[in-house]
Amino acid sequence: MIILKTKREIKIMREAGRLVAQSHKLVGEHIKPGVTTKELDRLVEEFLKSKNAIPTFKGYYGFPFSICVSVNEEVVHGFPSNRKLKKGDIVSVDIGATYEGYVGDGARTFCVGEVSDEKRHLVEATKQSFCEGLKFAKTSYRLSDISHAVQQYAESQGFSVVRDYVGHGVGKDMHESPQIPNFGKPGKGPRLQEGMVLAIEPMVNAGVYNVKVVDNGWTVVTVDGKPSAHYENTVAVTDGEPELLTVL
């Protein structure tokens, strides 16, 4: 069942989303060669707690950290560690914040210093594929219209979209109905309604779309070792244009 949110609930989610966006701004200010991914985790956790918010991911099905930090060929669910970032890395950071019982969820991929043209193109194309999908997050469309637009754009740039992991509804729980694949034919699935709040999140690979989970049971990597990028916002469907809740 898809839970429609009231204007009061969306107001709270707007604040949760703002904290996610502020967290990403903080990460962007600190990402540089030599910084460890564990330092980024601690930075965000301390910030969210200072704002009376809860890091949503920590303890979620046993996930041991406050943020997901996925470097280069890591797609999602990367563990923060003592690994030092180096020039040329791309780093996908996924952050969830629970505020007054509601969740904001957003991801960005950052470049560490100068990166290869391929990596920069991948990061930019992933963000743009989100923007292409967002055009269809309106009441006149069906859910898979978003999915189709994401896939069409990513593939037009020579990349592939991950199929094993998808976007989702979000509210009091981080993962609610409906699931939002980043691929598929248009015109399928439920018609979008005012009050739906969706985490739209393209995960785009430079090589094939196939992925696997490593030994820690969480971190997803590309099977061919090629880089991956991730871009996500929490989006409220309104009676007009969609509202991004996880931007400043």
C-alpha atoms as a PDB file:
ATOM      1  CA  MET A   1       0.000   0.000   0.000  1.00  0.00           C
ATOM      2  CA  ILE A   2       1.301   3.447  -0.943  1.00  0.00           C
ATOM      3  CA  ILE A   3       0.962   5.871   1.959  1.00  0.00           C
ATOM      4  CA  LEU A   4      -0.016   9.391   0.897  1.00  0.00           C
ATOM      5  CA  LYS A   5       1.428  12.135   3.085  1.00  0.00           C
ATOM      6  CA  THR A   6      -0.493  15.127   4.392  1.00  0.00           C
ATOM      7  CA  LYS A   7       0.820  18.659   4.016  1.00  0.00           C
ATOM      8  CA  ARG A   8       1.734  18.561   7.722  1.00  0.00           C
ATOM      9  CA  GLU A   9       3.756  15.388   7.227  1.00  0.00           C
ATOM     10  CA  ILE A  10       5.511  16.810   4.171  1.00  0.00           C
ATOM     11  CA  LYS A  11       6.416  19.897   6.190  1.00  0.00           C
ATOM     12  CA  ILE A  12       8.243  17.668   8.691  1.00  0.00           C
ATOM     13  CA  MET A  13       9.842  15.679   5.862  1.00  0.00           C
ATOM     14  CA  ARG A  14      11.008  18.949   4.350  1.00  0.00           C
ATOM     15  CA  GLU A  15      12.977  19.587   7.541  1.00  0.00           C
ATOM     16  CA  ALA A  16      14.381  16.033   7.566  1.00  0.00           C
ATOM     17  CA  GLY A  17      15.386  16.520   3.950  1.00  0.00           C
ATOM     18  CA  ARG A  18      17.038  19.855   4.690  1.00  0.00           C
ATOM     19  CA  LEU A  19      19.222  18.129   7.290  1.00  0.00           C
ATOM     20  CA  VAL A  20      20.239  15.547   4.666  1.00  0.00           C
ATOM     21  CA  ALA A  21      21.118  18.337   2.237  1.00  0.00           C
ATOM     22  CA  GLN A  22      23.123  20.159   4.913  1.00  0.00           C
ATOM     23  CA  SER A  23      24.939  16.908   5.684  1.00  0.00           C
ATOM     24  CA  HIS A  24      25.910  16.536   2.031  1.00  0.00           C
ATOM     25  CA  LYS A  25      27.144  20.123   1.967  1.00  0.00           C
ATOM     26  CA  LEU A  26      29.295  19.323   4.997  1.00  0.00           C
ATOM     27  CA  VAL A  27      30.678  16.188   3.326  1.00  0.00           C
ATOM     28  CA  GLY A  28      31.456  18.138   0.162  1.00  0.00           C
ATOM     29  CA  GLU A  29      33.415  20.684   2.184  1.00  0.00           C
ATOM     30  CA  HIS A  30      35.550  17.958   3.785  1.00  0.00           C
ATOM     31  CA  ILE A  31      36.117  15.487   0.953  1.00  0.00           C
ATOM     32  CA  LYS A  32      39.735  15.700  -0.209  1.00  0.00           C
ATOM     33  CA  PRO A  33      42.720  13.407  -0.649  1.00  0.00           C
ATOM     34  CA  GLY A  34      43.847  11.926   2.674  1.00  0.00           C
ATOM     35  CA  VAL A  35      40.476  12.086   4.433  1.00  0.00           C
ATOM     36  CA  THR A  36      39.188   8.728   5.663  1.00  0.00           C
ATOM     37  CA  THR A  37      35.649   7.608   4.970  1.00  0.00           C
ATOM     38  CA  LYS A  38      35.212   6.953   8.697  1.00  0.00           C
ATOM     39  CA  GLU A  39      35.906  10.652   9.352  1.00  0.00           C
ATOM     40  CA  LEU A  40      33.025  11.539   7.022  1.00  0.00           C
ATOM     41  CA  ASP A  41      30.758   9.126   8.894  1.00  0.00           C
ATOM     42  CA  ARG A  42      31.608  10.702  12.249  1.00  0.00           C
ATOM     43  CA  LEU A  43      31.137  14.209  10.836  1.00  0.00           C
ATOM     44  CA  VAL A  44      27.595  13.484   9.653  1.00  0.00           C
ATOM     45  CA  GLU A  45      26.585  11.571  12.772  1.00  0.00           C
ATOM     46  CA  GLU A  46      27.687  14.416  15.044  1.00  0.00           C
ATOM     47  CA  PHE A  47      25.945  17.003  12.860  1.00  0.00           C
ATOM     48  CA  LEU A  48      22.618  15.148  12.755  1.00  0.00           C
ATOM     49  CA  LYS A  49      22.610  14.515  16.487  1.00  0.00           C
ATOM     50  CA  SER A  50      23.332  18.200  17.100  1.00  0.00           C
ATOM     51  CA  LYS A  51      20.126  18.971  15.172  1.00  0.00           C
ATOM     52  CA  ASN A  52      18.004  16.513  17.193  1.00  0.00           C
ATOM     53  CA  ALA A  53      17.873  14.107  14.278  1.00  0.00           C
ATOM     54  CA  ILE A  54      18.724  10.403  14.150  1.00  0.00           C
ATOM     55  CA  PRO A  55      21.056   8.910  11.514  1.00  0.00           C
ATOM     56  CA  THR A  56      18.480   6.615   9.893  1.00  0.00           C
ATOM     57  CA  PHE A  57      20.925   4.047   8.574  1.00  0.00           C
ATOM     58  CA  LYS A  58      22.684   3.252  11.854  1.00  0.00           C
ATOM     59  CA  GLY A  59      21.305  -0.052  13.097  1.00  0.00           C
ATOM     60  CA  TYR A  60      18.944  -0.426  10.121  1.00  0.00           C
ATOM     61  CA  TYR A  61      18.813  -4.220   9.720  1.00  0.00           C
ATOM     62  CA  GLY A  62      22.111  -4.180  11.564  1.00  0.00           C
ATOM     63  CA  PHE A  63      23.944  -1.673   9.337  1.00  0.00           C
ATOM     64  CA  PRO A  64      26.781  -0.483  11.598  1.00  0.00           C
ATOM     65  CA  PHE A  65      27.361   3.091  10.389  1.00  0.00           C
ATOM     66  CA  SER A  66      25.539   6.402  10.042  1.00  0.00           C
ATOM     67  CA  ILE A  67      26.196   6.867   6.308  1.00  0.00           C
ATOM     68  CA  CYS A  68      27.018   4.695   3.322  1.00  0.00           C
ATOM     69  CA  VAL A  69      30.291   5.622   1.597  1.00  0.00           C
ATOM     70  CA  SER A  70      30.927   3.790  -1.684  1.00  0.00           C
ATOM     71  CA  VAL A  71      34.197   4.444  -3.540  1.00  0.00           C
ATOM     72  CA  ASN A  72      34.813   3.894  -7.277  1.00  0.00           C
ATOM     73  CA  GLU A  73      33.498   0.391  -8.168  1.00  0.00           C
ATOM     74  CA  GLU A  74      31.402   0.266  -4.997  1.00  0.00           C
ATOM     75  CA  VAL A  75      27.779   0.937  -5.953  1.00  0.00           C
ATOM     76  CA  VAL A  76      25.920   1.311  -2.651  1.00  0.00           C
ATOM     77  CA  HIS A  77      26.078   0.345   1.044  1.00  0.00           C
ATOM     78  CA  GLY A  78      29.829   0.916   1.377  1.00  0.00           C
ATOM     79  CA  PHE A  79      31.227   0.737   4.906  1.00  0.00           C
ATOM     80  CA  PRO A  80      33.087   3.774   6.241  1.00  0.00           C
ATOM     81  CA  SER A  81      36.610   2.731   7.239  1.00  0.00           C
ATOM     82  CA  ASN A  82      40.161   3.977   7.739  1.00  0.00           C
ATOM     83  CA  ARG A  83      40.610   3.973   3.963  1.00  0.00           C
ATOM     84  CA  LYS A  84      42.071   7.299   2.864  1.00  0.00           C
ATOM     85  CA  LEU A  85      40.529   8.902  -0.182  1.00  0.00           C
ATOM     86  CA  LYS A  86      42.904   9.729  -2.980  1.00  0.00           C
ATOM     87  CA  LYS A  87      42.912  12.058  -5.939  1.00  0.00           C
ATOM     88  CA  GLY A  88      40.907  10.583  -8.803  1.00  0.00           C
ATOM     89  CA  ASP A  89      38.406   8.688  -6.631  1.00  0.00           C
ATOM     90  CA  ILE A  90      34.675   9.150  -6.963  1.00  0.00           C
ATOM     91  CA  VAL A  91      32.749   8.716  -3.723  1.00  0.00           C
ATOM     92  CA  SER A  92      29.026   8.014  -3.462  1.00  0.00           C
ATOM     93  CA  VAL A  93      27.641   9.139  -0.104  1.00  0.00           C
ATOM     94  CA  ASP A  94      24.126   8.089   0.930  1.00  0.00           C
ATOM     95  CA  ILE A  95      22.612   9.798   3.981  1.00  0.00           C
ATOM     96  CA  GLY A  96      19.352   9.271   5.850  1.00  0.00           C
ATOM     97  CA  ALA A  97      18.050  11.537   8.623  1.00  0.00           C
ATOM     98  CA  THR A  98      15.037  10.830  10.817  1.00  0.00           C
ATOM     99  CA  TYR A  99      13.467  13.984  12.248  1.00  0.00           C
ATOM    100  CA  GLU A 100      10.324  13.944  14.389  1.00  0.00           C
ATOM    101  CA  GLY A 101       9.632  10.420  13.154  1.00  0.00           C
ATOM    102  CA  TYR A 102       9.999  11.065   9.410  1.00  0.00           C
ATOM    103  CA  VAL A 103      12.854  10.192   7.089  1.00  0.00           C
ATOM    104  CA  GLY A 104      14.798  12.220   4.531  1.00  0.00           C
ATOM    105  CA  ASP A 105      16.999  10.182   2.177  1.00  0.00           C
ATOM    106  CA  GLY A 106      19.508  11.475  -0.353  1.00  0.00           C
ATOM    107  CA  ALA A 107      22.733  10.488  -2.116  1.00  0.00           C
ATOM    108  CA  ARG A 108      25.433  12.346  -4.013  1.00  0.00           C
ATOM    109  CA  THR A 109      28.606  11.264  -5.812  1.00  0.00           C
ATOM    110  CA  PHE A 110      31.625  13.466  -5.151  1.00  0.00           C
ATOM    111  CA  CYS A 111      34.855  13.764  -7.114  1.00  0.00           C
ATOM    112  CA  VAL A 112      38.102  13.767  -5.122  1.00  0.00           C
ATOM    113  CA  GLY A 113      40.305  16.327  -6.818  1.00  0.00           C
ATOM    114  CA  GLU A 114      40.749  15.871 -10.548  1.00  0.00           C
ATOM    115  CA  VAL A 115      39.146  12.694 -11.868  1.00  0.00           C
ATOM    116  CA  SER A 116      39.213  10.999 -15.265  1.00  0.00           C
ATOM    117  CA  ASP A 117      36.940  12.263 -18.018  1.00  0.00           C
ATOM    118  CA  GLU A 118      35.027   8.962 -17.875  1.00  0.00           C
ATOM    119  CA  LYS A 119      34.359   9.288 -14.152  1.00  0.00           C
ATOM    120  CA  ARG A 120      33.298  12.916 -14.443  1.00  0.00           C
ATOM    121  CA  HIS A 121      30.959  12.063 -17.300  1.00  0.00           C
ATOM    122  CA  LEU A 122      29.522   9.176 -15.243  1.00  0.00           C
ATOM    123  CA  VAL A 123      28.859  11.421 -12.237  1.00  0.00           C
ATOM    124  CA  GLU A 124      27.255  14.128 -14.362  1.00  0.00           C
ATOM    125  CA  ALA A 125      25.164  11.648 -16.362  1.00  0.00           C
ATOM    126  CA  THR A 126      23.893   9.988 -13.192  1.00  0.00           C
ATOM    127  CA  LYS A 127      22.667  13.307 -11.815  1.00  0.00           C
ATOM    128  CA  GLN A 128      21.103  14.198 -15.162  1.00  0.00           C
ATOM    129  CA  SER A 129      19.365  10.816 -15.368  1.00  0.00           C
ATOM    130  CA  PHE A 130      17.697  11.699 -12.047  1.00  0.00           C
ATOM    131  CA  CYS A 131      16.645  15.052 -13.525  1.00  0.00           C
ATOM    132  CA  GLU A 132      15.175  13.302 -16.574  1.00  0.00           C
ATOM    133  CA  GLY A 133      13.173  10.979 -14.309  1.00  0.00           C
ATOM    134  CA  LEU A 134      12.023  13.896 -12.161  1.00  0.00           C
ATOM    135  CA  LYS A 135      10.193  15.398 -15.147  1.00  0.00           C
ATOM    136  CA  PHE A 136       7.703  12.545 -14.813  1.00  0.00           C
ATOM    137  CA  ALA A 137       7.143  12.779 -11.028  1.00  0.00           C
ATOM    138  CA  LYS A 138       3.767  14.422 -11.612  1.00  0.00           C
ATOM    139  CA  THR A 139       0.156  13.353 -11.193  1.00  0.00           C
ATOM    140  CA  SER A 140      -0.381  12.969 -14.942  1.00  0.00           C
ATOM    141  CA  TYR A 141       2.137  10.094 -15.195  1.00  0.00           C
ATOM    142  CA  ARG A 142       2.630   6.512 -14.069  1.00  0.00           C
ATOM    143  CA  LEU A 143       5.480   5.288 -11.892  1.00  0.00           C
ATOM    144  CA  SER A 144       7.400   3.534 -14.653  1.00  0.00           C
ATOM    145  CA  ASP A 145       7.529   6.737 -16.681  1.00  0.00           C
ATOM    146  CA  ILE A 146      10.174   7.853 -14.163  1.00  0.00           C
ATOM    147  CA  SER A 147      12.011   4.535 -14.514  1.00  0.00           C
ATOM    148  CA  HIS A 148      11.992   4.655 -18.296  1.00  0.00           C
ATOM    149  CA  ALA A 149      13.307   8.225 -18.450  1.00  0.00           C
ATOM    150  CA  VAL A 150      16.214   7.382 -16.128  1.00  0.00           C
ATOM    151  CA  GLN A 151      17.190   4.341 -18.183  1.00  0.00           C
ATOM    152  CA  GLN A 152      16.865   6.076 -21.529  1.00  0.00           C
ATOM    153  CA  TYR A 153      19.144   8.922 -20.543  1.00  0.00           C
ATOM    154  CA  ALA A 154      21.799   6.820 -18.780  1.00  0.00           C
ATOM    155  CA  GLU A 155      22.028   4.398 -21.683  1.00  0.00           C
ATOM    156  CA  SER A 156      22.136   7.247 -24.211  1.00  0.00           C
ATOM    157  CA  GLN A 157      25.365   8.316 -22.499  1.00  0.00           C
ATOM    158  CA  GLY A 158      26.920   4.863 -22.874  1.00  0.00           C
ATOM    159  CA  PHE A 159      26.275   3.716 -19.300  1.00  0.00           C
ATOM    160  CA  SER A 160      24.074   1.060 -17.671  1.00  0.00           C
ATOM    161  CA  VAL A 161      21.589   1.257 -14.801  1.00  0.00           C
ATOM    162  CA  VAL A 162      21.731  -1.121 -11.859  1.00  0.00           C
ATOM    163  CA  ARG A 163      18.720  -3.426 -11.753  1.00  0.00           C
ATOM    164  CA  ASP A 164      19.148  -5.265  -8.460  1.00  0.00           C
ATOM    165  CA  TYR A 165      18.582  -2.135  -6.343  1.00  0.00           C
ATOM    166  CA  VAL A 166      15.824   0.416  -6.781  1.00  0.00           C
ATOM    167  CA  GLY A 167      14.314   3.611  -5.439  1.00  0.00           C
ATOM    168  CA  HIS A 168      11.379   3.517  -3.051  1.00  0.00           C
ATOM    169  CA  GLY A 169       8.664   5.347  -1.210  1.00  0.00           C
ATOM    170  CA  VAL A 170       9.733   7.067   1.992  1.00  0.00           C
ATOM    171  CA  GLY A 171       7.968   8.426   5.084  1.00  0.00           C
ATOM    172  CA  LYS A 172       7.942   7.181   8.651  1.00  0.00           C
ATOM    173  CA  ASP A 173       9.902   4.212   7.307  1.00  0.00           C
ATOM    174  CA  MET A 174      12.927   4.552   5.060  1.00  0.00           C
ATOM    175  CA  HIS A 175      11.634   1.954   2.629  1.00  0.00           C
ATOM    176  CA  GLU A 176       7.935   2.132   1.828  1.00  0.00           C
ATOM    177  CA  SER A 177       5.912   1.179  -1.231  1.00  0.00           C
ATOM    178  CA  PRO A 178       6.247   1.627  -4.117  1.00  0.00           C
ATOM    179  CA  GLN A 179       9.554   0.323  -5.451  1.00  0.00           C
ATOM    180  CA  ILE A 180      10.970   2.578  -8.175  1.00  0.00           C
ATOM    181  CA  PRO A 181      13.237   0.733 -10.632  1.00  0.00           C
ATOM    182  CA  ASN A 182      15.620   2.769 -12.773  1.00  0.00           C
ATOM    183  CA  PHE A 183      14.641   0.824 -15.886  1.00  0.00           C
ATOM    184  CA  GLY A 184      11.554  -0.452 -17.654  1.00  0.00           C
ATOM    185  CA  LYS A 185       8.840   0.346 -20.146  1.00  0.00           C
ATOM    186  CA  PRO A 186       6.792   3.532 -19.702  1.00  0.00           C
ATOM    187  CA  GLY A 187       3.118   3.645 -18.782  1.00  0.00           C
ATOM    188  CA  LYS A 188       3.229   0.890 -16.147  1.00  0.00           C
ATOM    189  CA  GLY A 189       2.556   0.801 -12.421  1.00  0.00           C
ATOM    190  CA  PRO A 190       0.384   3.057 -10.256  1.00  0.00           C
ATOM    191  CA  ARG A 191      -0.610   6.508 -11.395  1.00  0.00           C
ATOM    192  CA  LEU A 192       1.193   9.140  -9.351  1.00  0.00           C
ATOM    193  CA  GLN A 193      -0.887  10.996  -6.783  1.00  0.00           C
ATOM    194  CA  GLU A 194      -0.447  14.156  -4.766  1.00  0.00           C
ATOM    195  CA  GLY A 195       1.015  13.207  -1.386  1.00  0.00           C
ATOM    196  CA  MET A 196       3.284  10.434  -2.641  1.00  0.00           C
ATOM    197  CA  VAL A 197       6.852  10.909  -1.413  1.00  0.00           C
ATOM    198  CA  LEU A 198       9.462   9.048  -3.429  1.00  0.00           C
ATOM    199  CA  ALA A 199      13.195   8.432  -3.092  1.00  0.00           C
ATOM    200  CA  ILE A 200      14.280   8.452  -6.734  1.00  0.00           C
ATOM    201  CA  GLU A 201      17.838   7.175  -6.967  1.00  0.00           C
ATOM    202  CA  PRO A 202      19.635   6.223 -10.169  1.00  0.00           C
ATOM    203  CA  MET A 203      22.636   3.942  -9.641  1.00  0.00           C
ATOM    204  CA  VAL A 204      24.612   4.011 -12.869  1.00  0.00           C
ATOM    205  CA  ASN A 205      27.621   1.921 -13.899  1.00  0.00           C
ATOM    206  CA  ALA A 206      30.362   2.740 -16.397  1.00  0.00           C
ATOM    207  CA  GLY A 207      30.377  -0.906 -17.528  1.00  0.00           C
ATOM    208  CA  VAL A 208      27.766  -3.656 -17.299  1.00  0.00           C
ATOM    209  CA  TYR A 209      24.797  -3.344 -14.935  1.00  0.00           C
ATOM    210  CA  ASN A 210      25.583  -6.569 -13.065  1.00  0.00           C
ATOM    211  CA  VAL A 211      26.591  -6.242  -9.425  1.00  0.00           C
ATOM    212  CA  LYS A 212      27.494  -8.467  -6.466  1.00  0.00           C
ATOM    213  CA  VAL A 213      27.685  -8.183  -2.677  1.00  0.00           C
ATOM    214  CA  VAL A 214      31.108  -8.509  -1.020  1.00  0.00           C
ATOM    215  CA  ASP A 215      31.981 -10.545   2.059  1.00  0.00           C
ATOM    216  CA  ASN A 216      30.740  -7.993   4.600  1.00  0.00           C
ATOM    217  CA  GLY A 217      27.204  -8.827   3.475  1.00  0.00           C
ATOM    218  CA  TRP A 218      26.355  -5.231   2.617  1.00  0.00           C
ATOM    219  CA  THR A 219      28.622  -3.490   0.139  1.00  0.00           C
ATOM    220  CA  VAL A 220      27.563  -3.811  -3.489  1.00  0.00           C
ATOM    221  CA  VAL A 221      30.216  -3.617  -6.219  1.00  0.00           C
ATOM    222  CA  THR A 222      30.226  -3.792 -10.012  1.00  0.00           C
ATOM    223  CA  VAL A 223      31.160  -7.260 -11.270  1.00  0.00           C
ATOM    224  CA  ASP A 224      33.566  -5.838 -13.849  1.00  0.00           C
ATOM    225  CA  GLY A 225      35.322  -3.495 -11.407  1.00  0.00           C
ATOM    226  CA  LYS A 226      34.310  -0.388 -13.345  1.00  0.00           C
ATOM    227  CA  PRO A 227      33.145   2.725 -11.460  1.00  0.00           C
ATOM    228  CA  SER A 228      29.591   3.449 -10.404  1.00  0.00           C
ATOM    229  CA  ALA A 229      27.773   6.639  -9.388  1.00  0.00           C
ATOM    230  CA  HIS A 230      24.642   7.291  -7.309  1.00  0.00           C
ATOM    231  CA  TYR A 231      22.324  10.295  -7.124  1.00  0.00           C
ATOM    232  CA  GLU A 232      19.181  10.447  -4.988  1.00  0.00           C
ATOM    233  CA  ASN A 233      16.639  12.919  -3.692  1.00  0.00           C
ATOM    234  CA  THR A 234      13.464  12.591  -1.672  1.00  0.00           C
ATOM    235  CA  VAL A 235      10.694  13.976  -3.895  1.00  0.00           C
ATOM    236  CA  ALA A 236       7.144  14.991  -2.975  1.00  0.00           C
ATOM    237  CA  VAL A 237       4.485  14.667  -5.676  1.00  0.00           C
ATOM    238  CA  THR A 238       2.279  17.765  -5.568  1.00  0.00           C
ATOM    239  CA  ASP A 239      -0.659  19.115  -7.567  1.00  0.00           C
ATOM    240  CA  GLY A 240       1.936  20.838  -9.781  1.00  0.00           C
ATOM    241  CA  GLU A 241       5.694  20.502 -10.117  1.00  0.00           C
ATOM    242  CA  PRO A 242       7.488  17.891  -7.951  1.00  0.00           C
ATOM    243  CA  GLU A 243       9.193  19.241  -4.826  1.00  0.00           C
ATOM    244  CA  LEU A 244      12.723  18.173  -3.961  1.00  0.00           C
ATOM    245  CA  LEU A 245      12.903  17.788  -0.185  1.00  0.00           C
ATOM    246  CA  THR A 246      16.630  17.001   0.087  1.00  0.00           C
ATOM    247  CA  VAL A 247      18.133  20.147  -1.453  1.00  0.00           C
ATOM    248  CA  LEU A 248      19.034  23.498   0.079  1.00  0.00           C
END
